Amino acid sequence: MAWEKSYEPAVGLPHNLHPAVPDATSQNLGWVGLRAFRYQNSAPNEVHWPPLSQHLLVLMTRPPAKMRFRYEGGKRDIPPPAGSIAVMPVGSEAEVCWQGTKDSFHIYLDPKLTARVATTSFEMDVSHKEIPPLDALILPELRTTMLAVDAELTTGGLGGPLMIESLANILAVRLVRYIFGLRRLVTRTDGVLTRRKLTTIVDYIMANLHRSPTLEQMAALVSLSPYHFARQFKAATGLPPHQFLITRRVERAQQILRGRGNLSLAEVAIGVGFSDQSQLCFHFKRIVGLTPGRFRASAKSA
């Protein structure tokens, strides 16, 4: 297996000897903090990553029969185990070639996010610290979070941008914690949101259902990092912020559908903050047990 050193402009995406098209990508989903690409049954190929502009995490879901991996400071001449993760930080280059087919899941993580997480969650400035490339990591927590991103990709982002923002923060925390051997700070940021702070957040969510409130915006209202805010919010309400937001949107949709107006389901969806009718129908049936159309019909016949 010979290496071909052909370069693409340094945008963080690989050059493939034989261009590979991902089976699924988040490119058009409007995700913030990360980008995701799923490759299945990837044919034998040679790939070069130019200097990366974002951190790259590669989950090997099904290794190929043979594989060679070259990266700064290391090499691998056999396939990594299934479920293992390779981490290539900003600025690093890597080359890989393989024989046989393989499945993998790639996440590009925003370095500004990881730097912010390091500062807010660990009081650590990583701007001048070198993150080494890492190969064949067996990290169940990190793998579980990557698979949660993959599940969102499968549904086309039905959980909404707030869920991806939460998962991006969790990925950043777990990555920084592993690389630098840090433990989460035990400070006032632990525990449950106070009643006053919870009221502030709930009022903000209800006033912005038709918009797209972000984790960062909500966390800033109560002077917490997004990671600690999400933990405290779930401890206080039993739901992560994105699920709480979705539930409130469904409740608002129920109120509209019980009324005498003749809004279409697409108009109801947009009015309560869903991106389209299909997203409303999915979450409405999941939470209420009926489709919006059946709910409206039963409400009018009651």
Protein backbone atom coordinates (compact mmCIF):
# COMPACT_ATOMS: atom_id res chain seq x y z
CA MET A 1 0.00 0.00 0.00
CA ALA A 2 1.84 3.09 -1.20
CA TRP A 3 1.18 6.53 0.21
CA GLU A 4 0.09 9.36 -2.06
CA LYS A 5 0.87 12.77 -0.56
CA SER A 6 -1.63 14.91 -2.37
CA TYR A 7 -2.85 18.00 -0.54
CA GLU A 8 -6.09 19.91 -0.36
CA PRO A 9 -6.28 23.51 0.90
CA ALA A 10 -6.08 23.48 4.70
CA VAL A 11 -9.78 23.56 5.48
CA GLY A 12 -9.69 20.57 7.82
CA LEU A 13 -11.25 18.05 5.42
CA PRO A 14 -9.30 15.10 3.97
CA HIS A 15 -8.06 14.45 0.47
CA ASN A 16 -9.02 10.97 -0.71
CA LEU A 17 -7.18 9.11 -3.44
CA HIS A 18 -10.63 7.85 -4.45
CA PRO A 19 -13.20 10.50 -3.44
CA ALA A 20 -15.49 9.14 -0.75
CA VAL A 21 -19.01 10.42 -0.21
CA PRO A 22 -20.30 10.20 3.37
CA ASP A 23 -23.52 8.29 3.93
CA ALA A 24 -24.71 11.10 6.18
CA THR A 25 -23.43 14.57 7.03
CA SER A 26 -24.51 17.44 9.29
CA GLN A 27 -23.40 20.06 6.76
CA ASN A 28 -26.92 21.34 6.09
CA LEU A 29 -28.38 20.90 9.57
CA GLY A 30 -27.17 24.20 11.01
CA TRP A 31 -25.28 22.57 13.88
CA VAL A 32 -23.02 24.77 16.00
CA GLY A 33 -19.89 23.52 17.76
CA LEU A 34 -19.36 20.39 15.71
CA ARG A 35 -19.74 18.79 12.29
CA ALA A 36 -20.37 15.09 11.76
CA PHE A 37 -19.79 12.65 8.88
CA ARG A 38 -20.72 8.97 8.75
CA TYR A 39 -18.97 6.58 6.35
CA GLN A 40 -20.23 3.03 5.80
CA ASN A 41 -18.68 0.29 3.68
CA SER A 42 -15.82 2.61 2.74
CA ALA A 43 -13.89 0.97 -0.09
CA PRO A 44 -10.09 0.56 0.04
CA ASN A 45 -8.56 4.02 -0.10
CA GLU A 46 -5.68 6.31 0.82
CA VAL A 47 -6.51 9.50 2.69
CA HIS A 48 -4.44 12.48 3.75
CA TRP A 49 -5.64 15.07 6.24
CA PRO A 50 -3.91 18.44 5.78
CA PRO A 51 -3.21 20.58 8.88
CA LEU A 52 -6.55 20.50 10.66
CA SER A 53 -8.45 23.67 11.51
CA GLN A 54 -10.63 21.78 14.02
CA HIS A 55 -10.16 18.85 16.38
CA LEU A 56 -11.07 15.59 14.64
CA LEU A 57 -12.45 12.56 16.48
CA VAL A 58 -12.78 9.34 14.50
CA LEU A 59 -14.82 6.45 15.91
CA MET A 60 -13.97 3.17 14.20
CA THR A 61 -17.26 1.28 14.21
CA ARG A 62 -16.05 -1.52 11.89
CA PRO A 63 -12.33 -1.87 11.17
CA PRO A 64 -11.00 -2.91 7.75
CA ALA A 65 -9.04 -6.11 7.12
CA LYS A 66 -5.73 -4.24 6.86
CA MET A 67 -4.78 -0.69 7.73
CA ARG A 68 -1.81 1.64 8.07
CA PHE A 69 -2.08 4.91 10.01
CA ARG A 70 0.61 7.61 10.15
CA TYR A 71 0.35 10.69 12.34
CA GLU A 72 2.68 13.09 14.10
CA GLY A 73 4.62 11.15 16.70
CA GLY A 74 3.10 7.76 16.01
CA LYS A 75 2.08 5.04 13.61
CA ARG A 76 -0.15 2.00 13.40
CA ASP A 77 0.26 -0.95 11.05
CA ILE A 78 -2.79 -2.98 12.07
CA PRO A 79 -6.48 -1.99 12.24
CA PRO A 80 -7.63 -0.45 15.54
CA PRO A 81 -10.27 -2.29 17.58
CA ALA A 82 -13.94 -1.72 16.87
CA GLY A 83 -15.30 1.04 19.10
CA SER A 84 -11.92 2.74 19.49
CA ILE A 85 -11.38 6.47 18.91
CA ALA A 86 -8.57 8.41 17.25
CA VAL A 87 -8.11 12.08 18.16
CA MET A 88 -6.30 14.43 15.80
CA PRO A 89 -5.99 17.94 17.25
CA VAL A 90 -5.88 21.27 15.45
CA GLY A 91 -2.78 21.66 13.29
CA SER A 92 -1.97 17.97 13.04
CA GLU A 93 -1.71 15.96 9.82
CA ALA A 94 -2.41 12.29 9.28
CA GLU A 95 -2.39 9.66 6.55
CA VAL A 96 -4.29 6.42 6.46
CA CYS A 97 -4.71 3.66 3.90
CA TRP A 98 -6.62 0.42 4.19
CA GLN A 99 -7.69 -2.75 2.43
CA GLY A 100 -11.16 -4.18 2.78
CA THR A 101 -14.18 -2.08 3.72
CA LYS A 102 -14.70 -0.20 6.95
CA ASP A 103 -17.27 1.89 8.82
CA SER A 104 -16.34 5.04 10.74
CA PHE A 105 -17.90 8.14 12.25
CA HIS A 106 -16.07 11.48 12.17
CA ILE A 107 -16.70 14.53 14.35
CA TYR A 108 -14.95 17.87 13.82
CA LEU A 109 -15.05 19.77 17.13
CA ASP A 110 -14.67 23.54 17.32
CA PRO A 111 -11.38 24.38 19.15
CA LYS A 112 -12.93 27.59 20.50
CA LEU A 113 -15.49 25.45 22.27
CA THR A 114 -12.88 23.18 23.85
CA ALA A 115 -10.87 26.23 24.98
CA ARG A 116 -13.98 27.78 26.53
CA VAL A 117 -14.88 24.53 28.27
CA ALA A 118 -11.35 24.21 29.65
CA THR A 119 -11.62 27.73 31.07
CA THR A 120 -15.13 27.55 32.51
CA SER A 121 -15.19 23.95 33.71
CA PHE A 122 -11.57 23.47 34.76
CA GLU A 123 -10.20 27.03 35.15
CA MET A 124 -7.47 26.10 32.69
CA ASP A 125 -6.01 28.04 29.76
CA VAL A 126 -5.22 25.54 27.00
CA SER A 127 -4.36 28.14 24.35
CA HIS A 128 -0.63 27.49 24.79
CA LYS A 129 -0.86 23.79 25.62
CA GLU A 130 -0.17 21.22 22.96
CA ILE A 131 -2.79 18.54 22.51
CA PRO A 132 -1.13 15.34 21.25
CA PRO A 133 -2.63 13.06 18.60
CA LEU A 134 -4.17 10.00 20.23
CA ASP A 135 -4.84 6.61 18.68
CA ALA A 136 -7.08 3.62 19.44
CA LEU A 137 -8.55 5.06 22.63
CA ILE A 138 -11.07 2.92 24.49
CA LEU A 139 -13.17 5.55 26.24
CA PRO A 140 -16.77 4.38 26.76
CA GLU A 141 -18.05 7.81 27.87
CA LEU A 142 -16.61 9.57 24.85
CA ARG A 143 -17.84 6.80 22.53
CA THR A 144 -21.36 7.01 23.99
CA THR A 145 -21.49 10.76 23.34
CA MET A 146 -20.24 10.32 19.77
CA LEU A 147 -22.92 7.68 19.18
CA ALA A 148 -25.54 10.11 20.52
CA VAL A 149 -24.39 12.60 17.87
CA ASP A 150 -24.62 9.81 15.29
CA ALA A 151 -28.19 9.09 16.41
CA GLU A 152 -29.08 12.75 15.88
CA LEU A 153 -27.54 12.59 12.43
CA THR A 154 -29.72 9.55 11.66
CA THR A 155 -32.90 11.45 12.57
CA GLY A 156 -31.85 14.56 10.67
CA GLY A 157 -31.43 16.57 13.85
CA LEU A 158 -34.90 16.00 15.31
CA GLY A 159 -33.60 16.80 18.79
CA GLY A 160 -32.90 20.34 17.62
CA PRO A 161 -29.79 22.55 17.71
CA LEU A 162 -29.92 22.83 21.50
CA MET A 163 -29.31 19.09 21.85
CA ILE A 164 -26.27 19.24 19.56
CA GLU A 165 -24.93 22.21 21.49
CA SER A 166 -25.27 20.15 24.67
CA LEU A 167 -23.54 17.13 23.11
CA ALA A 168 -20.72 19.33 21.77
CA ASN A 169 -20.11 20.67 25.27
CA ILE A 170 -20.10 17.15 26.74
CA LEU A 171 -17.64 15.97 24.09
CA ALA A 172 -15.36 18.92 24.84
CA VAL A 173 -15.48 18.31 28.59
CA ARG A 174 -14.71 14.60 28.25
CA LEU A 175 -11.92 15.23 25.76
CA VAL A 176 -10.22 17.94 27.85
CA ARG A 177 -10.64 15.90 31.02
CA TYR A 178 -9.01 12.85 29.43
CA ILE A 179 -6.14 14.67 27.75
CA PHE A 180 -5.12 16.72 30.76
CA GLY A 181 -6.10 14.24 33.47
CA LEU A 182 -8.44 16.70 35.11
CA ARG A 183 -11.37 16.21 37.40
CA ARG A 184 -14.44 18.41 37.26
CA LEU A 185 -14.11 21.24 39.75
CA VAL A 186 -16.11 20.82 42.96
CA THR A 187 -17.37 24.35 43.36
CA ARG A 188 -20.56 26.29 43.66
CA THR A 189 -21.30 25.18 40.10
CA ASP A 190 -22.28 21.75 41.38
CA GLY A 191 -25.73 20.94 42.68
CA VAL A 192 -29.17 22.06 41.58
CA LEU A 193 -30.35 25.40 40.22
CA THR A 194 -31.88 27.60 42.89
CA ARG A 195 -35.59 28.30 42.58
CA ARG A 196 -34.89 31.87 41.53
CA LYS A 197 -32.48 30.82 38.80
CA LEU A 198 -34.80 28.06 37.60
CA THR A 199 -37.68 30.55 37.37
CA THR A 200 -35.47 32.90 35.38
CA ILE A 201 -34.60 30.16 32.90
CA VAL A 202 -38.14 28.79 32.55
CA ASP A 203 -39.51 32.31 31.95
CA TYR A 204 -36.81 32.87 29.33
CA ILE A 205 -37.61 29.58 27.57
CA MET A 206 -41.35 30.25 27.52
CA ALA A 207 -40.76 33.75 26.11
CA ASN A 208 -38.50 32.36 23.38
CA LEU A 209 -40.22 29.12 22.32
CA HIS A 210 -40.63 30.42 18.78
CA ARG A 211 -36.93 31.27 18.59
CA SER A 212 -33.90 29.05 19.15
CA PRO A 213 -32.51 29.77 22.62
CA THR A 214 -29.00 28.37 22.94
CA LEU A 215 -27.37 26.61 25.85
CA GLU A 216 -24.80 29.39 26.07
CA GLN A 217 -27.48 32.09 26.28
CA MET A 218 -29.36 30.29 29.04
CA ALA A 219 -26.20 29.52 30.99
CA ALA A 220 -25.15 33.17 30.83
CA LEU A 221 -28.46 34.23 32.43
CA VAL A 222 -27.53 32.36 35.61
CA SER A 223 -23.74 32.89 35.41
CA LEU A 224 -22.80 29.26 34.76
CA SER A 225 -20.82 27.45 32.09
CA PRO A 226 -23.02 25.66 29.54
CA TYR A 227 -21.81 22.27 30.85
CA HIS A 228 -22.60 22.99 34.51
CA PHE A 229 -25.85 24.73 33.61
CA ALA A 230 -27.06 21.65 31.71
CA ARG A 231 -26.21 19.39 34.68
CA GLN A 232 -27.94 21.65 37.21
CA PHE A 233 -30.98 22.16 34.99
CA LYS A 234 -31.49 18.42 34.57
CA ALA A 235 -31.04 17.91 38.33
CA ALA A 236 -33.74 20.52 38.97
CA THR A 237 -36.27 19.51 36.32
CA GLY A 238 -35.50 15.90 35.49
CA LEU A 239 -35.00 16.84 31.83
CA PRO A 240 -32.01 18.13 29.87
CA PRO A 241 -32.60 21.66 28.49
CA HIS A 242 -33.30 20.52 24.92
CA GLN A 243 -35.97 18.03 26.05
CA PHE A 244 -37.56 20.59 28.36
CA LEU A 245 -37.73 23.05 25.45
CA ILE A 246 -39.28 20.44 23.14
CA THR A 247 -41.87 19.46 25.77
CA ARG A 248 -42.90 23.09 26.27
CA ARG A 249 -43.23 23.53 22.49
CA VAL A 250 -45.50 20.49 22.29
CA GLU A 251 -47.62 21.85 25.15
CA ARG A 252 -47.96 25.18 23.33
CA ALA A 253 -48.93 23.30 20.16
CA GLN A 254 -51.64 21.45 22.12
CA GLN A 255 -53.08 24.78 23.28
CA ILE A 256 -53.20 26.05 19.69
CA LEU A 257 -54.75 22.85 18.34
CA ARG A 258 -57.47 22.94 21.01
CA GLY A 259 -58.47 26.41 19.87
CA ARG A 260 -60.85 27.38 17.13
CA GLY A 261 -58.24 28.70 14.72
CA ASN A 262 -57.59 27.09 11.37
CA LEU A 263 -53.83 27.25 11.24
CA SER A 264 -52.21 24.51 9.20
CA LEU A 265 -49.93 22.08 11.00
CA ALA A 266 -46.97 23.65 9.23
CA GLU A 267 -47.98 27.06 10.62
CA VAL A 268 -48.43 25.60 14.10
CA ALA A 269 -44.98 24.00 13.89
CA ILE A 270 -43.25 27.26 12.95
CA GLY A 271 -45.29 29.20 15.49
CA VAL A 272 -44.08 27.09 18.41
CA GLY A 273 -40.47 26.96 17.28
CA PHE A 274 -40.11 23.70 15.35
CA SER A 275 -38.25 23.90 12.06
CA ASP A 276 -41.01 22.16 10.10
CA GLN A 277 -44.18 20.07 10.32
CA SER A 278 -42.35 16.74 10.39
CA GLN A 279 -40.42 17.77 13.49
CA LEU A 280 -43.66 18.81 15.21
CA CYS A 281 -45.34 15.51 14.28
CA PHE A 282 -42.42 13.41 15.50
CA HIS A 283 -42.16 15.03 18.93
CA PHE A 284 -45.92 15.50 19.35
CA LYS A 285 -46.66 11.81 18.84
CA ARG A 286 -43.67 10.81 21.02
CA ILE A 287 -44.87 12.94 23.95
CA VAL A 288 -48.67 12.99 23.55
CA GLY A 289 -49.20 9.59 21.95
CA LEU A 290 -51.25 11.01 19.07
CA THR A 291 -50.40 12.80 15.85
CA PRO A 292 -51.25 16.53 15.87
CA GLY A 293 -54.01 15.90 13.32
CA ARG A 294 -55.70 13.24 15.45
CA PHE A 295 -55.29 15.39 18.54
CA ARG A 296 -56.97 18.33 16.82
CA ALA A 297 -59.84 16.13 15.58
CA SER A 298 -60.44 14.62 19.03
CA ALA A 299 -60.29 18.04 20.68
CA LYS A 300 -62.93 19.43 18.30
CA SER A 301 -65.25 16.44 18.79
CA ALA A 302 -64.99 16.57 22.57
